[in-house]
């Protein structure tokens, strides 16, 4: 006989999400060290991965990645100085900046994606675990949607 299913509260889930994020940043830190890269931090790598192949305004990046403005500004400045990103003034509004990955940033993202595939295979080892991962992702996205709507519209 199977034990009764545990009731998982939102608070417990958020705590696990926070720990998982911290562990992933720890993995990124280890991989950066292994690759001999010491001019970028794990949160800055996450910014690069969020930019991806796109050219974005800083505002778009903040909305896409849910970053805090002051942290993102600092990190973008560091990434620009280390030649991971390019920054250009918008053609329509000179006060607005557009950012995209430089060759160094694209190369790092490719290396990190390769490392990520290895860890993905450790988590999703077969079709059932791949499906479980998809279900977990769908539920997290639903929670994000519900909580975002609750903040915007006061739905509880």
C-alpha atoms as a PDB file:
ATOM      1  CA  UNK A   1       0.000   0.000   0.000  1.00  0.00           C
ATOM      2  CA  UNK A   2       1.325   3.461  -0.924  1.00  0.00           C
ATOM      3  CA  UNK A   3       1.639   6.122   1.758  1.00  0.00           C
ATOM      4  CA  UNK A   4      -0.869   8.980   1.505  1.00  0.00           C
ATOM      5  CA  UNK A   5       0.274  11.797  -0.773  1.00  0.00           C
ATOM      6  CA  UNK A   6       1.902  14.703   0.999  1.00  0.00           C
ATOM      7  CA  UNK A   7       0.065  17.974   0.877  1.00  0.00           C
ATOM      8  CA  UNK A   8       2.446  20.549  -0.572  1.00  0.00           C
ATOM      9  CA  UNK A   9       1.812  24.152   0.356  1.00  0.00           C
ATOM     10  CA  UNK A  10       2.777  27.112  -1.796  1.00  0.00           C
ATOM     11  CA  UNK A  11       5.213  28.221   0.899  1.00  0.00           C
ATOM     12  CA  UNK A  12       7.002  24.858   0.868  1.00  0.00           C
ATOM     13  CA  UNK A  13       7.153  24.926  -2.908  1.00  0.00           C
ATOM     14  CA  UNK A  14       8.589  28.443  -2.960  1.00  0.00           C
ATOM     15  CA  UNK A  15      11.267  27.381  -0.478  1.00  0.00           C
ATOM     16  CA  UNK A  16      12.248  24.453  -2.701  1.00  0.00           C
ATOM     17  CA  UNK A  17      12.300  26.716  -5.771  1.00  0.00           C
ATOM     18  CA  UNK A  18      14.596  29.123  -3.939  1.00  0.00           C
ATOM     19  CA  UNK A  19      16.954  26.301  -2.915  1.00  0.00           C
ATOM     20  CA  UNK A  20      16.944  24.832  -6.432  1.00  0.00           C
ATOM     21  CA  UNK A  21      17.826  28.247  -7.859  1.00  0.00           C
ATOM     22  CA  UNK A  22      20.651  28.637  -5.340  1.00  0.00           C
ATOM     23  CA  UNK A  23      21.997  25.153  -6.174  1.00  0.00           C
ATOM     24  CA  UNK A  24      21.868  25.928  -9.889  1.00  0.00           C
ATOM     25  CA  UNK A  25      23.858  29.120  -9.284  1.00  0.00           C
ATOM     26  CA  UNK A  26      26.343  27.023  -7.278  1.00  0.00           C
ATOM     27  CA  UNK A  27      26.650  24.642 -10.245  1.00  0.00           C
ATOM     28  CA  UNK A  28      27.210  27.585 -12.578  1.00  0.00           C
ATOM     29  CA  UNK A  29      29.910  28.921 -10.248  1.00  0.00           C
ATOM     30  CA  UNK A  30      31.694  25.545 -10.276  1.00  0.00           C
ATOM     31  CA  UNK A  31      31.441  25.293 -14.061  1.00  0.00           C
ATOM     32  CA  UNK A  32      32.746  28.838 -14.542  1.00  0.00           C
ATOM     33  CA  UNK A  33      35.726  27.985 -12.334  1.00  0.00           C
ATOM     34  CA  UNK A  34      36.310  24.745 -14.249  1.00  0.00           C
ATOM     35  CA  UNK A  35      36.263  26.724 -17.513  1.00  0.00           C
ATOM     36  CA  UNK A  36      38.735  29.250 -16.085  1.00  0.00           C
ATOM     37  CA  UNK A  37      36.218  32.097 -16.264  1.00  0.00           C
ATOM     38  CA  UNK A  38      36.451  34.514 -13.356  1.00  0.00           C
ATOM     39  CA  UNK A  39      35.063  37.766 -14.753  1.00  0.00           C
ATOM     40  CA  UNK A  40      31.368  36.876 -14.528  1.00  0.00           C
ATOM     41  CA  UNK A  41      29.003  35.712 -11.786  1.00  0.00           C
ATOM     42  CA  UNK A  42      26.196  33.135 -12.003  1.00  0.00           C
ATOM     43  CA  UNK A  43      23.455  35.825 -11.915  1.00  0.00           C
ATOM     44  CA  UNK A  44      25.231  37.550 -14.805  1.00  0.00           C
ATOM     45  CA  UNK A  45      25.278  34.247 -16.721  1.00  0.00           C
ATOM     46  CA  UNK A  46      21.521  34.020 -16.156  1.00  0.00           C
ATOM     47  CA  UNK A  47      21.165  37.523 -17.641  1.00  0.00           C
ATOM     48  CA  UNK A  48      23.113  36.436 -20.722  1.00  0.00           C
ATOM     49  CA  UNK A  49      20.921  33.355 -21.116  1.00  0.00           C
ATOM     50  CA  UNK A  50      17.825  35.535 -20.811  1.00  0.00           C
ATOM     51  CA  UNK A  51      19.076  37.841 -23.578  1.00  0.00           C
ATOM     52  CA  UNK A  52      19.863  34.864 -25.791  1.00  0.00           C
ATOM     53  CA  UNK A  53      19.871  35.625 -29.507  1.00  0.00           C
ATOM     54  CA  UNK A  54      17.639  38.666 -29.129  1.00  0.00           C
ATOM     55  CA  UNK A  55      18.346  42.374 -29.092  1.00  0.00           C
ATOM     56  CA  UNK A  56      16.366  43.821 -26.205  1.00  0.00           C
ATOM     57  CA  UNK A  57      15.747  47.079 -24.462  1.00  0.00           C
ATOM     58  CA  UNK A  58      16.773  47.050 -20.823  1.00  0.00           C
ATOM     59  CA  UNK A  59      13.081  47.312 -19.913  1.00  0.00           C
ATOM     60  CA  UNK A  60      12.263  44.206 -21.993  1.00  0.00           C
ATOM     61  CA  UNK A  61      15.083  42.326 -20.273  1.00  0.00           C
ATOM     62  CA  UNK A  62      13.787  43.330 -16.841  1.00  0.00           C
ATOM     63  CA  UNK A  63      10.283  42.143 -17.710  1.00  0.00           C
ATOM     64  CA  UNK A  64      11.457  38.929 -19.351  1.00  0.00           C
ATOM     65  CA  UNK A  65      13.735  37.907 -16.519  1.00  0.00           C
ATOM     66  CA  UNK A  66      11.964  39.500 -13.552  1.00  0.00           C
ATOM     67  CA  UNK A  67      15.137  41.228 -12.410  1.00  0.00           C
ATOM     68  CA  UNK A  68      15.361  44.156 -10.046  1.00  0.00           C
ATOM     69  CA  UNK A  69      16.322  47.327 -11.887  1.00  0.00           C
ATOM     70  CA  UNK A  70      19.302  48.275  -9.733  1.00  0.00           C
ATOM     71  CA  UNK A  71      20.760  44.745  -9.785  1.00  0.00           C
ATOM     72  CA  UNK A  72      20.247  44.421 -13.527  1.00  0.00           C
ATOM     73  CA  UNK A  73      21.812  47.824 -14.186  1.00  0.00           C
ATOM     74  CA  UNK A  74      24.893  46.934 -12.160  1.00  0.00           C
ATOM     75  CA  UNK A  75      25.207  43.513 -13.801  1.00  0.00           C
ATOM     76  CA  UNK A  76      24.699  44.910 -17.304  1.00  0.00           C
ATOM     77  CA  UNK A  77      27.433  47.478 -16.668  1.00  0.00           C
ATOM     78  CA  UNK A  78      29.778  44.685 -15.557  1.00  0.00           C
ATOM     79  CA  UNK A  79      28.866  42.552 -18.592  1.00  0.00           C
ATOM     80  CA  UNK A  80      29.475  45.482 -20.923  1.00  0.00           C
ATOM     81  CA  UNK A  81      32.880  46.207 -19.376  1.00  0.00           C
ATOM     82  CA  UNK A  82      33.843  42.510 -19.666  1.00  0.00           C
ATOM     83  CA  UNK A  83      32.725  42.439 -23.351  1.00  0.00           C
ATOM     84  CA  UNK A  84      29.932  39.902 -22.894  1.00  0.00           C
ATOM     85  CA  UNK A  85      27.271  42.273 -24.276  1.00  0.00           C
ATOM     86  CA  UNK A  86      26.993  45.158 -26.697  1.00  0.00           C
ATOM     87  CA  UNK A  87      24.955  48.241 -25.867  1.00  0.00           C
ATOM     88  CA  UNK A  88      23.624  50.625 -28.488  1.00  0.00           C
ATOM     89  CA  UNK A  89      21.265  53.564 -28.349  1.00  0.00           C
ATOM     90  CA  UNK A  90      17.824  52.884 -29.757  1.00  0.00           C
ATOM     91  CA  UNK A  91      17.247  54.361 -33.218  1.00  0.00           C
ATOM     92  CA  UNK A  92      13.811  55.649 -32.131  1.00  0.00           C
ATOM     93  CA  UNK A  93      14.697  56.950 -28.689  1.00  0.00           C
ATOM     94  CA  UNK A  94      18.317  57.844 -27.963  1.00  0.00           C
ATOM     95  CA  UNK A  95      17.628  57.699 -24.215  1.00  0.00           C
ATOM     96  CA  UNK A  96      16.756  54.011 -24.490  1.00  0.00           C
ATOM     97  CA  UNK A  97      19.503  51.388 -24.793  1.00  0.00           C
ATOM     98  CA  UNK A  98      19.385  48.153 -26.759  1.00  0.00           C
ATOM     99  CA  UNK A  99      21.519  45.233 -25.646  1.00  0.00           C
ATOM    100  CA  UNK A 100      22.613  42.008 -27.300  1.00  0.00           C
ATOM    101  CA  UNK A 101      25.271  39.389 -26.717  1.00  0.00           C
ATOM    102  CA  UNK A 102      28.774  39.983 -27.989  1.00  0.00           C
ATOM    103  CA  UNK A 103      30.762  37.040 -29.401  1.00  0.00           C
ATOM    104  CA  UNK A 104      32.208  36.333 -25.940  1.00  0.00           C
ATOM    105  CA  UNK A 105      28.695  36.217 -24.441  1.00  0.00           C
ATOM    106  CA  UNK A 106      27.380  33.939 -27.200  1.00  0.00           C
ATOM    107  CA  UNK A 107      30.321  31.570 -26.730  1.00  0.00           C
ATOM    108  CA  UNK A 108      29.803  31.387 -22.961  1.00  0.00           C
ATOM    109  CA  UNK A 109      26.070  30.714 -23.430  1.00  0.00           C
ATOM    110  CA  UNK A 110      26.874  27.853 -25.820  1.00  0.00           C
ATOM    111  CA  UNK A 111      29.232  26.302 -23.265  1.00  0.00           C
ATOM    112  CA  UNK A 112      26.688  26.678 -20.445  1.00  0.00           C
ATOM    113  CA  UNK A 113      23.928  25.142 -22.585  1.00  0.00           C
ATOM    114  CA  UNK A 114      26.190  22.125 -23.128  1.00  0.00           C
ATOM    115  CA  UNK A 115      26.743  21.771 -19.393  1.00  0.00           C
ATOM    116  CA  UNK A 116      23.014  22.232 -18.805  1.00  0.00           C
ATOM    117  CA  UNK A 117      22.224  19.353 -21.179  1.00  0.00           C
ATOM    118  CA  UNK A 118      24.394  17.078 -19.050  1.00  0.00           C
ATOM    119  CA  UNK A 119      22.503  18.009 -15.889  1.00  0.00           C
ATOM    120  CA  UNK A 120      19.195  17.701 -17.735  1.00  0.00           C
ATOM    121  CA  UNK A 121      20.037  14.094 -18.595  1.00  0.00           C
ATOM    122  CA  UNK A 122      20.739  13.406 -14.900  1.00  0.00           C
ATOM    123  CA  UNK A 123      17.307  14.734 -13.906  1.00  0.00           C
ATOM    124  CA  UNK A 124      15.228  13.362 -16.800  1.00  0.00           C
ATOM    125  CA  UNK A 125      16.706   9.917 -17.337  1.00  0.00           C
ATOM    126  CA  UNK A 126      13.796   8.375 -19.232  1.00  0.00           C
ATOM    127  CA  UNK A 127      10.469   9.221 -20.862  1.00  0.00           C
ATOM    128  CA  UNK A 128       8.558   9.126 -17.560  1.00  0.00           C
ATOM    129  CA  UNK A 129      10.955  11.565 -15.890  1.00  0.00           C
ATOM    130  CA  UNK A 130      10.915  13.774 -18.974  1.00  0.00           C
ATOM    131  CA  UNK A 131       7.106  13.877 -18.721  1.00  0.00           C
ATOM    132  CA  UNK A 132       7.320  14.593 -14.960  1.00  0.00           C
ATOM    133  CA  UNK A 133       9.636  17.503 -15.717  1.00  0.00           C
ATOM    134  CA  UNK A 134       7.098  18.857 -18.206  1.00  0.00           C
ATOM    135  CA  UNK A 135       4.293  18.540 -15.657  1.00  0.00           C
ATOM    136  CA  UNK A 136       6.378  20.311 -13.012  1.00  0.00           C
ATOM    137  CA  UNK A 137       7.175  23.108 -15.469  1.00  0.00           C
ATOM    138  CA  UNK A 138       3.519  23.487 -16.462  1.00  0.00           C
ATOM    139  CA  UNK A 139       2.460  23.724 -12.806  1.00  0.00           C
ATOM    140  CA  UNK A 140       5.134  26.312 -12.014  1.00  0.00           C
ATOM    141  CA  UNK A 141       4.040  28.392 -15.006  1.00  0.00           C
ATOM    142  CA  UNK A 142       0.413  28.129 -13.843  1.00  0.00           C
ATOM    143  CA  UNK A 143       1.391  29.292 -10.364  1.00  0.00           C
ATOM    144  CA  UNK A 144       3.294  32.202 -11.903  1.00  0.00           C
ATOM    145  CA  UNK A 145       0.223  33.130 -13.950  1.00  0.00           C
ATOM    146  CA  UNK A 146      -2.160  32.901 -10.978  1.00  0.00           C
ATOM    147  CA  UNK A 147       0.124  34.876  -8.665  1.00  0.00           C
ATOM    148  CA  UNK A 148       0.774  37.523 -11.334  1.00  0.00           C
ATOM    149  CA  UNK A 149      -2.960  37.965 -11.865  1.00  0.00           C
ATOM    150  CA  UNK A 150      -3.519  38.152  -8.116  1.00  0.00           C
ATOM    151  CA  UNK A 151      -0.983  40.967  -7.921  1.00  0.00           C
ATOM    152  CA  UNK A 152      -2.375  42.818 -10.923  1.00  0.00           C
ATOM    153  CA  UNK A 153      -6.075  42.362 -10.361  1.00  0.00           C
ATOM    154  CA  UNK A 154      -6.387  41.449  -6.688  1.00  0.00           C
ATOM    155  CA  UNK A 155      -7.803  38.001  -7.433  1.00  0.00           C
ATOM    156  CA  UNK A 156      -7.293  35.741  -4.469  1.00  0.00           C
END
